[in-house]
């Protein structure tokens, strides 16, 4: 077996392993939803397990973006833009806390400062950013990001419309059902966003390995 074949098998094994890990994470997300559903009348509020998990997922993805940005073979400008997006989402999820314990409108100010700074840096390095996008847009990381974005920011909002659930349940309409559906779907989308950042980090690691590998190395050893 050639070194190239071994590398391909190792990469395929890595993909399968990550697929299994992502499945277990989704199972964990479903478990958290069930815990909140069984917690009584106060379920799916700002202090629910679903809300706390949303914050944890967004914070983890944001921090990971900063590590990718500093990686020698990473996509620094794409990672910065993702950090701005995920960081703004994290701040938005903290809106009630910030408005209550800091000052009213605090989260809007923080989002404006963060997004404004990120967009300025991206525009400043726009040529490098465009080059990075040519690679990123063809990657699994980008596909997962689009899935997460559409799930968390588009579908969850449409699926959680009050008018829709009033039509479904009629006179038996219960607001907590609408809230649960919207928040749980949003959490699923955030999980996909985390997966996309993990895949971007793995892309950076693989690129770093390829840069450090001598040319022709995969074909040098056979047998």
N, C-alpha and C. Protein backbone atom coordinates (compact mmCIF):
# COMPACT_ATOMS: atom_id res chain seq x y z
N UNK A 1 0.85 -1.20 0.00
CA UNK A 1 0.00 0.00 0.00
C UNK A 1 0.88 1.25 0.00
N UNK A 2 0.59 2.16 -0.89
CA UNK A 2 1.38 3.38 -0.98
C UNK A 2 1.06 4.31 0.18
N UNK A 3 1.98 5.24 0.39
CA UNK A 3 1.77 6.25 1.43
C UNK A 3 0.55 7.10 1.10
N UNK A 4 0.34 7.34 -0.21
CA UNK A 4 -0.83 8.11 -0.63
C UNK A 4 -2.12 7.39 -0.27
N UNK A 5 -2.15 6.06 -0.48
CA UNK A 5 -3.34 5.27 -0.14
C UNK A 5 -3.60 5.29 1.35
N UNK A 6 -2.52 5.20 2.13
CA UNK A 6 -2.68 5.25 3.58
C UNK A 6 -3.25 6.60 4.02
N UNK A 7 -2.78 7.66 3.36
CA UNK A 7 -3.28 9.00 3.69
C UNK A 7 -4.76 9.12 3.38
N UNK A 8 -5.17 8.57 2.22
CA UNK A 8 -6.58 8.62 1.83
C UNK A 8 -7.44 7.85 2.82
N UNK A 9 -6.98 6.65 3.22
CA UNK A 9 -7.73 5.85 4.18
C UNK A 9 -7.84 6.56 5.52
N UNK A 10 -6.76 7.21 5.94
CA UNK A 10 -6.78 7.93 7.20
C UNK A 10 -7.76 9.10 7.14
N UNK A 11 -7.77 9.79 6.00
CA UNK A 11 -8.71 10.90 5.84
C UNK A 11 -10.15 10.41 5.85
N UNK A 12 -10.40 9.29 5.17
CA UNK A 12 -11.76 8.74 5.14
C UNK A 12 -12.20 8.31 6.54
N UNK A 13 -11.28 7.70 7.28
CA UNK A 13 -11.60 7.29 8.65
C UNK A 13 -11.91 8.51 9.51
N UNK A 14 -11.18 9.60 9.27
CA UNK A 14 -11.44 10.83 10.02
C UNK A 14 -12.81 11.40 9.73
N UNK A 15 -13.22 11.34 8.46
CA UNK A 15 -14.55 11.84 8.08
C UNK A 15 -15.64 11.01 8.75
N UNK A 16 -15.48 9.69 8.74
CA UNK A 16 -16.47 8.81 9.37
C UNK A 16 -16.54 9.07 10.88
N UNK A 17 -15.36 9.24 11.50
CA UNK A 17 -15.31 9.50 12.94
C UNK A 17 -16.03 10.80 13.29
N UNK A 18 -15.78 11.84 12.48
CA UNK A 18 -16.45 13.12 12.75
C UNK A 18 -17.96 13.00 12.53
N UNK A 19 -18.34 12.23 11.52
CA UNK A 19 -19.77 12.02 11.28
C UNK A 19 -20.44 11.40 12.50
N UNK A 20 -19.77 10.42 13.09
CA UNK A 20 -20.32 9.77 14.28
C UNK A 20 -20.36 10.74 15.46
N UNK A 21 -19.30 11.53 15.62
CA UNK A 21 -19.27 12.51 16.71
C UNK A 21 -20.39 13.52 16.56
N UNK A 22 -20.58 14.01 15.34
CA UNK A 22 -21.66 14.98 15.09
C UNK A 22 -23.02 14.36 15.40
N UNK A 23 -23.18 13.07 15.09
CA UNK A 23 -24.43 12.40 15.42
C UNK A 23 -24.67 12.36 16.93
N UNK A 24 -23.61 12.07 17.69
CA UNK A 24 -23.74 12.03 19.14
C UNK A 24 -24.05 13.42 19.70
N UNK A 25 -23.47 14.45 19.09
CA UNK A 25 -23.77 15.82 19.53
C UNK A 25 -25.24 16.14 19.29
N UNK A 26 -25.75 15.75 18.12
CA UNK A 26 -27.17 15.98 17.81
C UNK A 26 -28.06 15.23 18.80
N UNK A 27 -27.65 14.01 19.16
CA UNK A 27 -28.41 13.26 20.17
C UNK A 27 -28.40 14.00 21.50
N UNK A 28 -27.24 14.58 21.84
CA UNK A 28 -27.16 15.37 23.07
C UNK A 28 -28.07 16.58 23.03
N UNK A 29 -28.11 17.23 21.87
CA UNK A 29 -28.99 18.39 21.70
C UNK A 29 -30.45 17.97 21.90
N UNK A 30 -30.82 16.83 21.32
CA UNK A 30 -32.19 16.33 21.48
C UNK A 30 -32.48 16.02 22.95
N UNK A 31 -31.48 15.49 23.65
CA UNK A 31 -31.65 15.20 25.07
C UNK A 31 -31.89 16.46 25.89
N UNK A 32 -31.15 17.52 25.56
CA UNK A 32 -31.33 18.80 26.25
C UNK A 32 -32.73 19.35 26.01
N UNK A 33 -33.20 19.22 24.78
CA UNK A 33 -34.57 19.66 24.47
C UNK A 33 -35.58 18.90 25.33
N UNK A 34 -35.36 17.60 25.49
CA UNK A 34 -36.28 16.78 26.27
C UNK A 34 -36.27 17.19 27.74
N UNK A 35 -35.08 17.48 28.26
CA UNK A 35 -34.97 17.93 29.66
C UNK A 35 -35.80 19.19 29.88
N UNK A 36 -35.66 20.15 28.97
CA UNK A 36 -36.44 21.39 29.10
C UNK A 36 -37.94 21.13 28.96
N UNK A 37 -38.29 20.23 28.06
CA UNK A 37 -39.72 19.94 27.85
C UNK A 37 -40.36 19.35 29.10
N UNK A 38 -39.55 18.62 29.89
CA UNK A 38 -40.07 17.99 31.10
C UNK A 38 -39.90 18.84 32.35
N UNK A 39 -39.43 20.07 32.18
CA UNK A 39 -39.12 20.90 33.35
C UNK A 39 -40.30 21.71 33.86
N UNK A 40 -41.44 21.63 33.21
CA UNK A 40 -42.62 22.31 33.72
C UNK A 40 -42.93 23.61 33.01
N UNK A 41 -43.77 24.43 33.62
CA UNK A 41 -44.25 25.68 33.00
C UNK A 41 -43.14 26.67 32.64
N UNK A 42 -42.02 26.62 33.34
CA UNK A 42 -40.96 27.60 33.08
C UNK A 42 -39.99 27.17 32.00
N UNK A 43 -40.37 26.18 31.20
CA UNK A 43 -39.45 25.66 30.19
C UNK A 43 -39.24 26.63 29.05
N UNK A 44 -38.04 26.57 28.46
CA UNK A 44 -37.67 27.34 27.27
C UNK A 44 -37.66 28.85 27.51
N UNK A 45 -37.37 29.25 28.76
CA UNK A 45 -37.18 30.66 29.06
C UNK A 45 -35.72 31.02 28.88
N UNK A 46 -35.33 32.25 29.23
CA UNK A 46 -33.96 32.72 29.02
C UNK A 46 -32.94 31.90 29.80
N UNK A 47 -33.37 31.28 30.92
CA UNK A 47 -32.44 30.49 31.74
C UNK A 47 -32.61 28.99 31.52
N UNK A 48 -33.28 28.60 30.46
CA UNK A 48 -33.48 27.17 30.19
C UNK A 48 -32.19 26.54 29.69
N UNK A 49 -32.15 25.21 29.72
CA UNK A 49 -30.96 24.49 29.25
C UNK A 49 -30.74 24.70 27.75
N UNK A 50 -31.82 24.82 27.00
CA UNK A 50 -31.68 25.08 25.57
C UNK A 50 -31.00 26.42 25.33
N UNK A 51 -31.42 27.45 26.05
CA UNK A 51 -30.82 28.78 25.90
C UNK A 51 -29.36 28.77 26.34
N UNK A 52 -29.06 28.11 27.45
CA UNK A 52 -27.68 28.03 27.94
C UNK A 52 -26.80 27.29 26.94
N UNK A 53 -27.33 26.22 26.36
CA UNK A 53 -26.57 25.46 25.37
C UNK A 53 -26.33 26.29 24.11
N UNK A 54 -27.31 27.08 23.72
CA UNK A 54 -27.11 27.98 22.58
C UNK A 54 -25.92 28.90 22.83
N UNK A 55 -25.85 29.47 24.02
CA UNK A 55 -24.73 30.36 24.36
C UNK A 55 -23.41 29.61 24.34
N UNK A 56 -23.40 28.40 24.90
CA UNK A 56 -22.17 27.61 24.94
C UNK A 56 -21.68 27.26 23.54
N UNK A 57 -22.60 26.88 22.67
CA UNK A 57 -22.24 26.51 21.29
C UNK A 57 -21.68 27.71 20.54
N UNK A 58 -22.36 28.85 20.64
CA UNK A 58 -21.90 30.06 19.94
C UNK A 58 -20.56 30.54 20.48
N UNK A 59 -20.38 30.48 21.80
CA UNK A 59 -19.11 30.91 22.39
C UNK A 59 -17.97 30.00 21.96
N UNK A 60 -18.21 28.69 21.97
CA UNK A 60 -17.19 27.73 21.55
C UNK A 60 -16.79 27.96 20.10
N UNK A 61 -17.77 28.14 19.23
CA UNK A 61 -17.49 28.37 17.81
C UNK A 61 -16.73 29.68 17.61
N UNK A 62 -17.08 30.71 18.36
CA UNK A 62 -16.42 32.02 18.23
C UNK A 62 -14.95 31.93 18.64
N UNK A 63 -14.69 31.27 19.78
CA UNK A 63 -13.31 31.12 20.26
C UNK A 63 -12.50 30.29 19.27
N UNK A 64 -13.10 29.24 18.73
CA UNK A 64 -12.40 28.40 17.76
C UNK A 64 -12.03 29.19 16.51
N UNK A 65 -12.88 30.13 16.11
CA UNK A 65 -12.57 30.99 14.96
C UNK A 65 -11.31 31.82 15.22
N UNK A 66 -11.13 32.28 16.44
CA UNK A 66 -9.94 33.06 16.78
C UNK A 66 -8.68 32.20 16.67
N UNK A 67 -8.77 30.93 17.09
CA UNK A 67 -7.63 30.03 16.96
C UNK A 67 -7.32 29.76 15.48
N UNK A 68 -8.37 29.59 14.67
CA UNK A 68 -8.16 29.37 13.23
C UNK A 68 -7.50 30.58 12.60
N UNK A 69 -7.91 31.76 13.01
CA UNK A 69 -7.34 32.99 12.47
C UNK A 69 -5.84 33.07 12.73
N UNK A 70 -5.39 32.54 13.85
CA UNK A 70 -3.97 32.59 14.21
C UNK A 70 -3.18 31.40 13.67
N UNK A 71 -3.87 30.42 13.10
CA UNK A 71 -3.20 29.23 12.59
C UNK A 71 -2.40 29.59 11.34
N UNK A 72 -1.16 29.09 11.22
CA UNK A 72 -0.33 29.46 10.07
C UNK A 72 -0.89 29.04 8.71
N UNK A 73 -1.75 28.01 8.69
CA UNK A 73 -2.33 27.55 7.42
C UNK A 73 -3.84 27.75 7.40
N UNK A 74 -4.34 28.61 8.27
CA UNK A 74 -5.78 28.82 8.35
C UNK A 74 -6.29 29.79 7.30
N UNK A 75 -7.55 30.13 7.42
CA UNK A 75 -8.17 31.15 6.57
C UNK A 75 -8.43 32.36 7.47
N UNK A 76 -7.44 33.19 7.70
CA UNK A 76 -7.57 34.24 8.72
C UNK A 76 -8.70 35.22 8.49
N UNK A 77 -8.91 35.63 7.26
CA UNK A 77 -9.94 36.64 6.99
C UNK A 77 -11.34 36.02 7.02
N UNK A 78 -11.47 34.82 6.49
CA UNK A 78 -12.75 34.12 6.57
C UNK A 78 -13.09 33.80 8.02
N UNK A 79 -12.08 33.37 8.78
CA UNK A 79 -12.30 33.07 10.20
C UNK A 79 -12.70 34.32 10.97
N UNK A 80 -12.11 35.46 10.61
CA UNK A 80 -12.47 36.71 11.28
C UNK A 80 -13.92 37.08 11.00
N UNK A 81 -14.34 36.92 9.75
CA UNK A 81 -15.73 37.24 9.40
C UNK A 81 -16.70 36.30 10.13
N UNK A 82 -16.34 35.03 10.21
CA UNK A 82 -17.17 34.08 10.95
C UNK A 82 -17.22 34.44 12.43
N UNK A 83 -16.07 34.88 12.97
CA UNK A 83 -16.04 35.29 14.37
C UNK A 83 -16.99 36.46 14.61
N UNK A 84 -16.98 37.42 13.70
CA UNK A 84 -17.88 38.56 13.85
C UNK A 84 -19.34 38.13 13.82
N UNK A 85 -19.67 37.23 12.92
CA UNK A 85 -21.05 36.76 12.80
C UNK A 85 -21.48 35.97 14.03
N UNK A 86 -20.64 35.02 14.44
CA UNK A 86 -20.98 34.18 15.59
C UNK A 86 -20.94 34.98 16.89
N UNK A 87 -19.96 35.89 17.00
CA UNK A 87 -19.89 36.73 18.19
C UNK A 87 -21.10 37.63 18.32
N UNK A 88 -21.55 38.18 17.21
CA UNK A 88 -22.75 39.02 17.22
C UNK A 88 -23.98 38.20 17.62
N UNK A 89 -24.03 36.96 17.16
CA UNK A 89 -25.15 36.08 17.53
C UNK A 89 -25.12 35.77 19.02
N UNK A 90 -23.90 35.56 19.55
CA UNK A 90 -23.76 35.31 20.99
C UNK A 90 -24.24 36.51 21.80
N UNK A 91 -23.83 37.70 21.39
CA UNK A 91 -24.26 38.91 22.10
C UNK A 91 -25.77 39.07 22.01
N UNK A 92 -26.32 38.78 20.85
CA UNK A 92 -27.78 38.88 20.67
C UNK A 92 -28.52 37.94 21.61
N UNK A 93 -27.97 36.75 21.83
CA UNK A 93 -28.61 35.81 22.74
C UNK A 93 -28.54 36.28 24.19
N UNK A 94 -27.60 37.19 24.48
CA UNK A 94 -27.45 37.73 25.84
C UNK A 94 -28.21 39.04 26.01
N UNK A 95 -29.11 39.35 25.09
CA UNK A 95 -29.76 40.67 25.10
C UNK A 95 -30.49 40.97 26.40
N UNK A 96 -31.24 40.00 26.91
CA UNK A 96 -32.02 40.24 28.13
C UNK A 96 -31.10 40.53 29.32
N UNK A 97 -30.03 39.76 29.44
CA UNK A 97 -29.08 39.97 30.55
C UNK A 97 -28.40 41.33 30.45
N UNK A 98 -27.92 41.68 29.25
CA UNK A 98 -27.21 42.94 29.06
C UNK A 98 -28.13 44.14 29.27
N UNK A 99 -29.35 44.06 28.75
CA UNK A 99 -30.29 45.17 28.90
C UNK A 99 -30.72 45.35 30.36
N UNK A 100 -30.77 44.24 31.11
CA UNK A 100 -31.22 44.31 32.50
C UNK A 100 -30.11 44.72 33.46
N UNK A 101 -28.92 44.14 33.28
CA UNK A 101 -27.86 44.33 34.27
C UNK A 101 -26.76 45.29 33.84
N UNK A 102 -26.74 45.71 32.58
CA UNK A 102 -25.74 46.70 32.14
C UNK A 102 -26.49 48.00 31.82
N UNK A 103 -27.05 48.11 30.63
CA UNK A 103 -27.95 49.22 30.32
C UNK A 103 -28.78 48.85 29.10
N UNK A 104 -29.92 49.47 28.98
CA UNK A 104 -30.84 49.18 27.89
C UNK A 104 -30.20 49.57 26.55
N UNK A 105 -30.16 48.63 25.63
CA UNK A 105 -29.54 48.88 24.33
C UNK A 105 -28.07 48.49 24.29
N UNK A 106 -27.57 47.89 25.38
CA UNK A 106 -26.14 47.51 25.44
C UNK A 106 -25.78 46.52 24.35
N UNK A 107 -26.64 45.52 24.14
CA UNK A 107 -26.29 44.49 23.17
C UNK A 107 -26.22 45.04 21.76
N UNK A 108 -27.10 46.00 21.43
CA UNK A 108 -27.05 46.60 20.10
C UNK A 108 -25.73 47.34 19.88
N UNK A 109 -25.28 48.06 20.91
CA UNK A 109 -24.03 48.79 20.80
C UNK A 109 -22.85 47.84 20.61
N UNK A 110 -22.82 46.76 21.39
CA UNK A 110 -21.73 45.79 21.29
C UNK A 110 -21.71 45.13 19.91
N UNK A 111 -22.88 44.81 19.39
CA UNK A 111 -22.95 44.20 18.06
C UNK A 111 -22.46 45.16 16.98
N UNK A 112 -22.85 46.42 17.08
CA UNK A 112 -22.41 47.42 16.10
C UNK A 112 -20.90 47.57 16.13
N UNK A 113 -20.32 47.63 17.33
CA UNK A 113 -18.87 47.78 17.46
C UNK A 113 -18.14 46.55 16.91
N UNK A 114 -18.63 45.36 17.25
CA UNK A 114 -17.99 44.13 16.79
C UNK A 114 -18.09 43.98 15.28
N UNK A 115 -19.30 44.06 14.75
CA UNK A 115 -19.50 43.88 13.32
C UNK A 115 -18.81 44.97 12.52
N UNK A 116 -18.87 46.20 13.02
CA UNK A 116 -18.20 47.30 12.33
C UNK A 116 -16.70 47.09 12.24
N UNK A 117 -16.09 46.65 13.35
CA UNK A 117 -14.65 46.39 13.35
C UNK A 117 -14.27 45.26 12.42
N UNK A 118 -15.05 44.19 12.44
CA UNK A 118 -14.76 43.04 11.58
C UNK A 118 -14.91 43.39 10.11
N UNK A 119 -15.96 44.12 9.76
CA UNK A 119 -16.16 44.51 8.37
C UNK A 119 -15.06 45.45 7.89
N UNK A 120 -14.60 46.33 8.77
CA UNK A 120 -13.51 47.24 8.40
C UNK A 120 -12.23 46.47 8.11
N UNK A 121 -11.90 45.51 8.98
CA UNK A 121 -10.69 44.70 8.76
C UNK A 121 -10.83 43.84 7.50
N UNK A 122 -12.02 43.33 7.26
CA UNK A 122 -12.25 42.52 6.06
C UNK A 122 -12.09 43.35 4.80
N UNK A 123 -12.65 44.56 4.80
CA UNK A 123 -12.51 45.45 3.65
C UNK A 123 -11.06 45.85 3.45
N UNK A 124 -10.35 46.07 4.53
CA UNK A 124 -8.95 46.46 4.45
C UNK A 124 -8.11 45.37 3.77
N UNK A 125 -8.48 44.11 4.01
CA UNK A 125 -7.76 42.97 3.42
C UNK A 125 -8.64 42.23 2.41
N UNK A 126 -9.42 42.99 1.65
CA UNK A 126 -10.43 42.38 0.78
C UNK A 126 -9.85 41.49 -0.31
N UNK A 127 -8.67 41.81 -0.82
CA UNK A 127 -8.10 40.97 -1.88
C UNK A 127 -7.73 39.59 -1.34
N UNK A 128 -7.09 39.55 -0.17
CA UNK A 128 -6.78 38.27 0.46
C UNK A 128 -8.05 37.52 0.83
N UNK A 129 -9.06 38.25 1.26
CA UNK A 129 -10.33 37.64 1.63
C UNK A 129 -10.98 36.97 0.42
N UNK A 130 -10.97 37.64 -0.73
CA UNK A 130 -11.56 37.08 -1.95
C UNK A 130 -10.84 35.80 -2.36
N UNK A 131 -9.52 35.80 -2.23
CA UNK A 131 -8.74 34.60 -2.57
C UNK A 131 -9.11 33.45 -1.64
N UNK A 132 -9.25 33.73 -0.35
CA UNK A 132 -9.64 32.70 0.61
C UNK A 132 -11.02 32.13 0.29
N UNK A 133 -11.92 33.01 -0.13
CA UNK A 133 -13.29 32.59 -0.40
C UNK A 133 -13.36 31.57 -1.53
N UNK A 134 -12.43 31.64 -2.49
CA UNK A 134 -12.43 30.70 -3.60
C UNK A 134 -12.26 29.27 -3.10
N UNK A 135 -11.47 29.11 -2.04
CA UNK A 135 -11.29 27.79 -1.43
C UNK A 135 -12.42 27.45 -0.48
N UNK A 136 -12.79 28.42 0.33
CA UNK A 136 -13.80 28.18 1.37
C UNK A 136 -15.16 27.83 0.78
N UNK A 137 -15.57 28.51 -0.28
CA UNK A 137 -16.90 28.29 -0.85
C UNK A 137 -17.08 26.89 -1.44
N UNK A 138 -15.97 26.19 -1.70
CA UNK A 138 -16.05 24.83 -2.24
C UNK A 138 -15.87 23.77 -1.16
N UNK A 139 -15.83 24.18 0.09
CA UNK A 139 -15.50 23.27 1.18
C UNK A 139 -16.74 22.76 1.90
N UNK A 140 -16.55 21.65 2.63
CA UNK A 140 -17.61 21.12 3.49
C UNK A 140 -17.97 22.12 4.58
N UNK A 141 -16.96 22.86 5.05
CA UNK A 141 -17.21 23.86 6.09
C UNK A 141 -18.24 24.89 5.64
N UNK A 142 -18.14 25.31 4.40
CA UNK A 142 -19.09 26.30 3.87
C UNK A 142 -20.49 25.69 3.75
N UNK A 143 -20.56 24.44 3.30
CA UNK A 143 -21.86 23.78 3.19
C UNK A 143 -22.55 23.65 4.54
N UNK A 144 -21.78 23.30 5.57
CA UNK A 144 -22.35 23.20 6.91
C UNK A 144 -22.76 24.57 7.44
N UNK A 145 -21.96 25.59 7.10
CA UNK A 145 -22.32 26.94 7.54
C UNK A 145 -23.65 27.37 6.93
N UNK A 146 -23.82 27.12 5.64
CA UNK A 146 -25.07 27.50 4.99
C UNK A 146 -26.25 26.73 5.59
N UNK A 147 -26.03 25.44 5.90
CA UNK A 147 -27.09 24.66 6.54
C UNK A 147 -27.46 25.25 7.89
N UNK A 148 -26.42 25.60 8.68
CA UNK A 148 -26.67 26.18 9.99
C UNK A 148 -27.35 27.52 9.92
N UNK A 149 -26.91 28.35 8.97
CA UNK A 149 -27.50 29.68 8.82
C UNK A 149 -28.98 29.58 8.44
N UNK A 150 -29.26 28.74 7.44
CA UNK A 150 -30.64 28.60 6.98
C UNK A 150 -31.54 28.01 8.07
N UNK A 151 -30.98 27.10 8.87
CA UNK A 151 -31.78 26.48 9.93
C UNK A 151 -32.05 27.45 11.08
N UNK A 152 -30.97 28.13 11.55
CA UNK A 152 -31.09 28.98 12.74
C UNK A 152 -31.71 30.34 12.47
N UNK A 153 -31.43 30.92 11.31
CA UNK A 153 -31.82 32.31 11.07
C UNK A 153 -32.97 32.47 10.08
N UNK A 154 -33.29 31.40 9.35
CA UNK A 154 -34.39 31.49 8.38
C UNK A 154 -35.52 30.53 8.78
N UNK A 155 -35.22 29.23 8.77
CA UNK A 155 -36.28 28.25 9.02
C UNK A 155 -36.87 28.37 10.42
N UNK A 156 -36.02 28.56 11.44
CA UNK A 156 -36.55 28.62 12.81
C UNK A 156 -37.51 29.79 12.98
N UNK A 157 -37.20 30.91 12.31
CA UNK A 157 -38.09 32.08 12.40
C UNK A 157 -39.42 31.81 11.70
N UNK A 158 -39.35 31.18 10.53
CA UNK A 158 -40.57 30.88 9.79
C UNK A 158 -41.40 29.79 10.48
N UNK A 159 -40.70 28.77 10.98
CA UNK A 159 -41.38 27.66 11.63
C UNK A 159 -41.96 28.08 12.98
N UNK A 160 -41.38 29.11 13.59
CA UNK A 160 -41.84 29.55 14.89
C UNK A 160 -42.83 30.70 14.85
N UNK A 161 -43.41 30.96 13.70
CA UNK A 161 -44.40 32.04 13.59
C UNK A 161 -45.65 31.72 14.41
N UNK A 162 -46.07 32.70 15.17
CA UNK A 162 -47.26 32.52 16.01
C UNK A 162 -48.50 32.20 15.17
N UNK A 163 -48.63 32.88 14.03
CA UNK A 163 -49.79 32.66 13.17
C UNK A 163 -49.86 31.21 12.70
N UNK A 164 -48.71 30.63 12.38
CA UNK A 164 -48.67 29.24 11.91
C UNK A 164 -49.16 28.29 12.99
N UNK A 165 -48.66 28.46 14.22
CA UNK A 165 -49.04 27.55 15.29
C UNK A 165 -50.46 27.77 15.77
N UNK A 166 -50.96 28.99 15.65
CA UNK A 166 -52.37 29.23 15.95
C UNK A 166 -53.26 28.50 14.95
N UNK A 167 -52.81 28.46 13.69
CA UNK A 167 -53.56 27.74 12.67
C UNK A 167 -53.51 26.24 12.90
N UNK A 168 -52.36 25.74 13.36
CA UNK A 168 -52.19 24.30 13.61
C UNK A 168 -53.02 23.84 14.81
N UNK A 169 -52.94 24.60 15.92
CA UNK A 169 -53.58 24.16 17.18
C UNK A 169 -54.96 24.74 17.40
N UNK A 170 -55.32 25.75 16.61
CA UNK A 170 -56.65 26.33 16.75
C UNK A 170 -56.88 26.92 18.13
N UNK A 171 -58.02 26.58 18.73
CA UNK A 171 -58.36 27.11 20.04
C UNK A 171 -57.47 26.55 21.14
N UNK A 172 -56.78 25.46 20.85
CA UNK A 172 -55.88 24.87 21.84
C UNK A 172 -54.46 25.42 21.78
N UNK A 173 -54.31 26.58 21.14
CA UNK A 173 -52.98 27.19 20.98
C UNK A 173 -52.31 27.42 22.32
N UNK A 174 -51.06 26.96 22.44
CA UNK A 174 -50.25 27.16 23.64
C UNK A 174 -48.94 27.81 23.20
N UNK A 175 -48.64 28.97 23.73
CA UNK A 175 -47.49 29.74 23.28
C UNK A 175 -46.17 29.00 23.50
N UNK A 176 -46.08 28.23 24.59
CA UNK A 176 -44.82 27.56 24.89
C UNK A 176 -44.44 26.57 23.79
N UNK A 177 -45.42 26.02 23.09
CA UNK A 177 -45.13 25.10 21.98
C UNK A 177 -44.42 25.84 20.86
N UNK A 178 -44.94 27.01 20.53
CA UNK A 178 -44.32 27.85 19.50
C UNK A 178 -42.91 28.23 19.90
N UNK A 179 -42.72 28.62 21.17
CA UNK A 179 -41.40 29.01 21.67
C UNK A 179 -40.44 27.83 21.64
N UNK A 180 -40.92 26.66 22.06
CA UNK A 180 -40.07 25.47 22.09
C UNK A 180 -39.58 25.10 20.70
N UNK A 181 -40.48 25.12 19.74
CA UNK A 181 -40.12 24.77 18.36
C UNK A 181 -39.08 25.74 17.83
N UNK A 182 -39.28 27.03 18.04
CA UNK A 182 -38.36 28.02 17.52
C UNK A 182 -36.98 27.91 18.17
N UNK A 183 -36.95 27.78 19.50
CA UNK A 183 -35.67 27.73 20.22
C UNK A 183 -34.91 26.44 19.92
N UNK A 184 -35.63 25.32 19.83
CA UNK A 184 -34.96 24.04 19.57
C UNK A 184 -34.41 23.98 18.14
N UNK A 185 -35.17 24.50 17.19
CA UNK A 185 -34.68 24.54 15.81
C UNK A 185 -33.48 25.47 15.70
N UNK A 186 -33.52 26.55 16.44
CA UNK A 186 -32.39 27.49 16.46
C UNK A 186 -31.14 26.82 17.02
N UNK A 187 -31.30 26.04 18.08
CA UNK A 187 -30.16 25.33 18.67
C UNK A 187 -29.58 24.33 17.67
N UNK A 188 -30.43 23.64 16.93
CA UNK A 188 -29.94 22.71 15.91
C UNK A 188 -29.11 23.45 14.87
N UNK A 189 -29.58 24.63 14.45
CA UNK A 189 -28.81 25.43 13.49
C UNK A 189 -27.47 25.86 14.05
N UNK A 190 -27.44 26.24 15.32
CA UNK A 190 -26.18 26.62 15.95
C UNK A 190 -25.20 25.45 15.99
N UNK A 191 -25.74 24.24 16.19
CA UNK A 191 -24.88 23.05 16.19
C UNK A 191 -24.22 22.87 14.82
N UNK A 192 -24.98 23.08 13.75
CA UNK A 192 -24.40 23.00 12.40
C UNK A 192 -23.33 24.07 12.20
N UNK A 193 -23.54 25.26 12.75
CA UNK A 193 -22.53 26.31 12.64
C UNK A 193 -21.25 25.90 13.36
N UNK A 194 -21.39 25.26 14.52
CA UNK A 194 -20.21 24.76 15.23
C UNK A 194 -19.50 23.70 14.41
N UNK A 195 -20.25 22.80 13.79
CA UNK A 195 -19.63 21.78 12.93
C UNK A 195 -18.86 22.43 11.79
N UNK A 196 -19.39 23.51 11.23
CA UNK A 196 -18.72 24.18 10.11
C UNK A 196 -17.39 24.76 10.54
N UNK A 197 -17.34 25.32 11.75
CA UNK A 197 -16.09 25.88 12.26
C UNK A 197 -15.09 24.77 12.55
N UNK A 198 -15.56 23.65 13.08
CA UNK A 198 -14.68 22.51 13.32
C UNK A 198 -14.07 22.03 12.00
N UNK A 199 -14.88 21.94 10.95
CA UNK A 199 -14.38 21.52 9.65
C UNK A 199 -13.37 22.53 9.09
N UNK A 200 -13.59 23.81 9.36
CA UNK A 200 -12.63 24.83 8.92
C UNK A 200 -11.31 24.66 9.64
N UNK A 201 -11.36 24.32 10.93
CA UNK A 201 -10.13 24.08 11.69
C UNK A 201 -9.39 22.86 11.15
N UNK A 202 -10.13 21.83 10.78
CA UNK A 202 -9.51 20.63 10.21
C UNK A 202 -8.90 20.93 8.85
N UNK A 203 -9.55 21.79 8.07
CA UNK A 203 -8.97 22.23 6.79
C UNK A 203 -7.62 22.90 7.02
N UNK A 204 -7.55 23.75 8.04
CA UNK A 204 -6.30 24.45 8.34
C UNK A 204 -5.22 23.46 8.75
N UNK A 205 -5.58 22.48 9.55
CA UNK A 205 -4.61 21.47 9.98
C UNK A 205 -4.10 20.67 8.79
N UNK A 206 -5.00 20.25 7.90
CA UNK A 206 -4.60 19.46 6.73
C UNK A 206 -3.71 20.26 5.78
N UNK A 207 -4.03 21.54 5.59
CA UNK A 207 -3.20 22.40 4.74
C UNK A 207 -1.81 22.55 5.33
N UNK A 208 -1.75 22.65 6.64
CA UNK A 208 -0.46 22.80 7.31
C UNK A 208 0.39 21.54 7.11
N UNK A 209 -0.26 20.36 7.19
CA UNK A 209 0.45 19.11 6.97
C UNK A 209 0.96 19.00 5.54
N UNK A 210 0.13 19.43 4.58
CA UNK A 210 0.52 19.35 3.18
C UNK A 210 1.69 20.28 2.87
N UNK A 211 1.70 21.45 3.49
CA UNK A 211 2.80 22.38 3.27
C UNK A 211 4.11 21.83 3.83
N UNK A 212 4.01 21.06 4.92
CA UNK A 212 5.22 20.53 5.54
C UNK A 212 5.68 19.23 4.94
N UNK A 213 4.90 18.65 4.00
CA UNK A 213 5.25 17.38 3.39
C UNK A 213 6.09 17.61 2.15
N UNK A 214 7.24 16.95 2.02
CA UNK A 214 8.08 17.12 0.83
C UNK A 214 7.32 16.72 -0.43
N UNK A 215 7.58 17.43 -1.53
CA UNK A 215 6.93 17.12 -2.79
C UNK A 215 7.31 15.72 -3.25
N UNK A 216 6.31 14.97 -3.70
CA UNK A 216 6.56 13.62 -4.18
C UNK A 216 6.60 12.59 -3.08
N UNK A 217 6.43 13.03 -1.82
CA UNK A 217 6.51 12.09 -0.70
C UNK A 217 5.49 10.97 -0.79
N UNK A 218 4.23 11.24 -1.18
CA UNK A 218 3.24 10.16 -1.24
C UNK A 218 3.62 9.06 -2.21
N UNK A 219 4.39 9.39 -3.26
CA UNK A 219 4.74 8.38 -4.27
C UNK A 219 6.10 7.75 -4.00
N UNK A 220 6.79 8.24 -2.96
CA UNK A 220 8.15 7.78 -2.73
C UNK A 220 8.18 6.40 -2.11
N UNK A 221 7.19 6.11 -1.28
CA UNK A 221 7.21 4.82 -0.59
C UNK A 221 6.05 3.97 -1.08
N UNK A 222 6.30 2.80 -1.57
CA UNK A 222 5.27 1.90 -2.07
C UNK A 222 5.49 0.51 -1.46
N UNK A 223 4.38 -0.25 -1.35
CA UNK A 223 4.50 -1.61 -0.85
C UNK A 223 3.65 -1.83 0.37
